[in-house]
Amino acid sequence: MFPERSVMLRQGSPGTHLLALTSGLAKVVCREPSGAKTWLAFRGPGDLLGEVSVFNGISRTADVVALTPCVAVVLDAESFV
């Protein structure tokens, strides 16, 4: 469970897992070195979060922030792949 405004996945962290969002609404935001933020997407129930870093074996390329209270299932990267 993730409260409103909490960071669900943090940009730059390793892709050790992904989240399957079961309820709530989240935004995907890229932080630039200058401090600027770019909103990339909104995600809702049924969406996967953090799958890009899991599939590509790279660090997370964006933050995922809960816009409303969210519930998600954690899926281990190794098991998912």
N, C-alpha and C. Protein backbone atom coordinates (compact mmCIF):
# COMPACT_ATOMS: atom_id res chain seq x y z
N MET A 1 0.83 -1.17 0.00
CA MET A 1 0.00 0.00 0.00
C MET A 1 0.89 1.25 0.00
N PHE A 2 0.48 2.23 -0.77
CA PHE A 2 1.23 3.47 -0.89
C PHE A 2 0.29 4.64 -0.64
N PRO A 3 0.60 5.48 0.36
CA PRO A 3 -0.25 6.64 0.59
C PRO A 3 -0.11 7.68 -0.52
N GLU A 4 -1.10 8.54 -0.63
CA GLU A 4 -1.07 9.64 -1.59
C GLU A 4 0.23 10.43 -1.45
N ARG A 5 0.84 10.77 -2.58
CA ARG A 5 2.09 11.56 -2.69
C ARG A 5 3.36 10.79 -2.33
N SER A 6 3.24 9.50 -2.05
CA SER A 6 4.45 8.74 -1.74
C SER A 6 5.14 8.29 -3.03
N VAL A 7 6.46 8.15 -2.97
CA VAL A 7 7.23 7.66 -4.12
C VAL A 7 7.16 6.14 -4.11
N MET A 8 6.59 5.59 -5.15
CA MET A 8 6.43 4.14 -5.26
C MET A 8 7.70 3.49 -5.83
N LEU A 9 8.31 4.15 -6.80
CA LEU A 9 9.58 3.72 -7.39
C LEU A 9 10.42 4.98 -7.60
N ARG A 10 11.71 4.88 -7.30
CA ARG A 10 12.58 6.06 -7.37
C ARG A 10 13.54 5.98 -8.54
N GLN A 11 13.61 7.07 -9.30
CA GLN A 11 14.53 7.20 -10.43
C GLN A 11 15.96 6.95 -9.95
N GLY A 12 16.71 6.15 -10.71
CA GLY A 12 18.09 5.85 -10.38
C GLY A 12 18.28 4.60 -9.54
N SER A 13 17.21 4.09 -8.94
CA SER A 13 17.34 2.87 -8.14
C SER A 13 17.38 1.65 -9.05
N PRO A 14 17.94 0.55 -8.58
CA PRO A 14 18.04 -0.65 -9.43
C PRO A 14 16.67 -1.28 -9.68
N GLY A 15 16.54 -1.94 -10.82
CA GLY A 15 15.29 -2.59 -11.20
C GLY A 15 15.19 -3.98 -10.65
N THR A 16 15.09 -4.09 -9.33
CA THR A 16 15.03 -5.40 -8.68
C THR A 16 13.63 -6.00 -8.66
N HIS A 17 12.64 -5.15 -8.92
CA HIS A 17 11.25 -5.59 -8.88
C HIS A 17 10.40 -4.64 -9.71
N LEU A 18 9.17 -5.04 -9.96
CA LEU A 18 8.21 -4.14 -10.58
C LEU A 18 6.92 -4.23 -9.79
N LEU A 19 6.02 -3.31 -10.05
CA LEU A 19 4.75 -3.27 -9.34
C LEU A 19 3.60 -3.45 -10.33
N ALA A 20 2.61 -4.21 -9.93
CA ALA A 20 1.36 -4.33 -10.69
C ALA A 20 0.33 -3.54 -9.88
N LEU A 21 -0.10 -2.43 -10.43
CA LEU A 21 -1.03 -1.54 -9.73
C LEU A 21 -2.43 -2.15 -9.74
N THR A 22 -3.00 -2.35 -8.55
CA THR A 22 -4.33 -2.94 -8.47
C THR A 22 -5.41 -1.91 -8.16
N SER A 23 -5.03 -0.79 -7.53
CA SER A 23 -5.99 0.29 -7.31
C SER A 23 -5.24 1.59 -7.12
N GLY A 24 -5.90 2.69 -7.47
CA GLY A 24 -5.31 4.00 -7.31
C GLY A 24 -4.79 4.56 -8.63
N LEU A 25 -4.24 5.75 -8.55
CA LEU A 25 -3.70 6.46 -9.72
C LEU A 25 -2.31 6.97 -9.39
N ALA A 26 -1.37 6.77 -10.31
CA ALA A 26 0.02 7.19 -10.11
C ALA A 26 0.50 7.98 -11.32
N LYS A 27 1.51 8.81 -11.11
CA LYS A 27 2.13 9.54 -12.22
C LYS A 27 3.58 9.10 -12.35
N VAL A 28 4.08 9.13 -13.58
CA VAL A 28 5.46 8.79 -13.89
C VAL A 28 6.15 10.11 -14.24
N VAL A 29 7.22 10.43 -13.52
CA VAL A 29 7.89 11.72 -13.66
C VAL A 29 9.40 11.52 -13.78
N CYS A 30 10.00 12.16 -14.79
CA CYS A 30 11.45 12.12 -14.98
C CYS A 30 12.05 13.40 -14.40
N ARG A 31 13.05 13.24 -13.55
CA ARG A 31 13.75 14.39 -12.97
C ARG A 31 15.04 14.63 -13.75
N GLU A 32 15.23 15.83 -14.21
CA GLU A 32 16.43 16.22 -14.95
C GLU A 32 17.50 16.69 -13.95
N PRO A 33 18.78 16.60 -14.31
CA PRO A 33 19.85 17.09 -13.42
C PRO A 33 19.66 18.56 -13.02
N SER A 34 19.02 19.35 -13.88
CA SER A 34 18.79 20.77 -13.59
C SER A 34 17.71 20.96 -12.53
N GLY A 35 16.97 19.91 -12.21
CA GLY A 35 15.88 20.02 -11.25
C GLY A 35 14.52 20.06 -11.92
N ALA A 36 14.49 20.24 -13.23
CA ALA A 36 13.22 20.25 -13.96
C ALA A 36 12.59 18.86 -13.91
N LYS A 37 11.26 18.83 -13.92
CA LYS A 37 10.52 17.55 -13.93
C LYS A 37 9.65 17.49 -15.17
N THR A 38 9.63 16.32 -15.80
CA THR A 38 8.78 16.09 -16.96
C THR A 38 7.79 14.98 -16.63
N TRP A 39 6.50 15.28 -16.72
CA TRP A 39 5.48 14.27 -16.51
C TRP A 39 5.41 13.41 -17.75
N LEU A 40 5.58 12.10 -17.59
CA LEU A 40 5.61 11.19 -18.73
C LEU A 40 4.29 10.45 -18.93
N ALA A 41 3.63 10.09 -17.84
CA ALA A 41 2.42 9.27 -17.98
C ALA A 41 1.64 9.22 -16.67
N PHE A 42 0.40 8.80 -16.80
CA PHE A 42 -0.43 8.45 -15.66
C PHE A 42 -0.69 6.96 -15.75
N ARG A 43 -0.73 6.29 -14.61
CA ARG A 43 -0.98 4.85 -14.58
C ARG A 43 -2.10 4.55 -13.60
N GLY A 44 -2.90 3.52 -13.95
CA GLY A 44 -4.02 3.12 -13.11
C GLY A 44 -4.08 1.62 -12.94
N PRO A 45 -5.16 1.13 -12.34
CA PRO A 45 -5.29 -0.31 -12.09
C PRO A 45 -5.06 -1.15 -13.35
N GLY A 46 -4.26 -2.20 -13.19
CA GLY A 46 -3.93 -3.09 -14.30
C GLY A 46 -2.62 -2.76 -14.97
N ASP A 47 -2.06 -1.60 -14.66
CA ASP A 47 -0.78 -1.21 -15.28
C ASP A 47 0.41 -1.75 -14.49
N LEU A 48 1.50 -2.01 -15.22
CA LEU A 48 2.77 -2.39 -14.61
C LEU A 48 3.61 -1.14 -14.43
N LEU A 49 4.35 -1.08 -13.32
CA LEU A 49 5.22 0.05 -13.01
C LEU A 49 6.64 -0.47 -12.81
N GLY A 50 7.60 0.16 -13.48
CA GLY A 50 9.00 -0.23 -13.31
C GLY A 50 9.45 -1.35 -14.22
N GLU A 51 8.63 -1.70 -15.20
CA GLU A 51 8.97 -2.82 -16.08
C GLU A 51 10.13 -2.51 -17.01
N VAL A 52 10.34 -1.24 -17.37
CA VAL A 52 11.43 -0.88 -18.30
C VAL A 52 12.78 -1.26 -17.69
N SER A 53 13.01 -0.92 -16.43
CA SER A 53 14.29 -1.24 -15.81
C SER A 53 14.46 -2.75 -15.62
N VAL A 54 13.36 -3.46 -15.36
CA VAL A 54 13.44 -4.92 -15.21
C VAL A 54 13.78 -5.57 -16.54
N PHE A 55 13.09 -5.19 -17.61
CA PHE A 55 13.35 -5.79 -18.92
C PHE A 55 14.73 -5.47 -19.46
N ASN A 56 15.20 -4.23 -19.23
CA ASN A 56 16.47 -3.79 -19.80
C ASN A 56 17.66 -3.94 -18.87
N GLY A 57 17.44 -4.33 -17.62
CA GLY A 57 18.53 -4.50 -16.67
C GLY A 57 19.25 -3.21 -16.33
N ILE A 58 18.53 -2.10 -16.32
CA ILE A 58 19.12 -0.79 -16.05
C ILE A 58 18.46 -0.17 -14.82
N SER A 59 19.02 0.94 -14.33
CA SER A 59 18.40 1.67 -13.22
C SER A 59 17.09 2.28 -13.69
N ARG A 60 16.27 2.61 -12.73
CA ARG A 60 14.98 3.22 -13.03
C ARG A 60 15.17 4.58 -13.71
N THR A 61 14.41 4.83 -14.75
CA THR A 61 14.56 6.05 -15.55
C THR A 61 13.60 7.16 -15.13
N ALA A 62 12.72 6.87 -14.16
CA ALA A 62 11.75 7.88 -13.71
C ALA A 62 11.24 7.51 -12.32
N ASP A 63 10.67 8.50 -11.65
CA ASP A 63 9.96 8.27 -10.40
C ASP A 63 8.53 7.87 -10.72
N VAL A 64 7.93 7.07 -9.86
CA VAL A 64 6.50 6.81 -9.91
C VAL A 64 5.95 7.28 -8.57
N VAL A 65 5.00 8.21 -8.62
CA VAL A 65 4.45 8.84 -7.42
C VAL A 65 2.95 8.59 -7.35
N ALA A 66 2.47 8.19 -6.18
CA ALA A 66 1.05 7.94 -5.98
C ALA A 66 0.29 9.27 -5.97
N LEU A 67 -0.69 9.41 -6.85
CA LEU A 67 -1.55 10.60 -6.85
C LEU A 67 -2.73 10.41 -5.89
N THR A 68 -3.12 9.17 -5.70
CA THR A 68 -4.17 8.80 -4.75
C THR A 68 -3.60 7.64 -3.94
N PRO A 69 -4.25 7.22 -2.87
CA PRO A 69 -3.78 6.00 -2.21
C PRO A 69 -3.77 4.85 -3.23
N CYS A 70 -2.67 4.10 -3.25
CA CYS A 70 -2.49 3.03 -4.24
C CYS A 70 -2.21 1.70 -3.55
N VAL A 71 -2.65 0.65 -4.20
CA VAL A 71 -2.32 -0.71 -3.78
C VAL A 71 -1.67 -1.39 -4.98
N ALA A 72 -0.54 -2.05 -4.74
CA ALA A 72 0.18 -2.72 -5.82
C ALA A 72 0.75 -4.04 -5.33
N VAL A 73 0.88 -4.97 -6.24
CA VAL A 73 1.52 -6.25 -5.97
C VAL A 73 2.97 -6.14 -6.42
N VAL A 74 3.90 -6.54 -5.55
CA VAL A 74 5.33 -6.51 -5.87
C VAL A 74 5.70 -7.81 -6.58
N LEU A 75 6.34 -7.68 -7.74
CA LEU A 75 6.81 -8.84 -8.50
C LEU A 75 8.32 -8.79 -8.60
N ASP A 76 9.00 -9.79 -8.11
CA ASP A 76 10.45 -9.89 -8.18
C ASP A 76 10.90 -9.96 -9.64
N ALA A 77 11.95 -9.21 -9.99
CA ALA A 77 12.41 -9.13 -11.38
C ALA A 77 12.77 -10.51 -11.93
N GLU A 78 13.53 -11.28 -11.19
CA GLU A 78 13.98 -12.57 -11.68
C GLU A 78 12.80 -13.51 -11.94
N SER A 79 11.84 -13.53 -11.06
CA SER A 79 10.65 -14.38 -11.23
C SER A 79 9.82 -13.89 -12.40
N PHE A 80 9.71 -12.57 -12.58
CA PHE A 80 8.89 -12.02 -13.64
C PHE A 80 9.47 -12.32 -15.02
N VAL A 81 10.80 -12.13 -15.16
CA VAL A 81 11.45 -12.36 -16.45
C VAL A 81 11.42 -13.84 -16.74
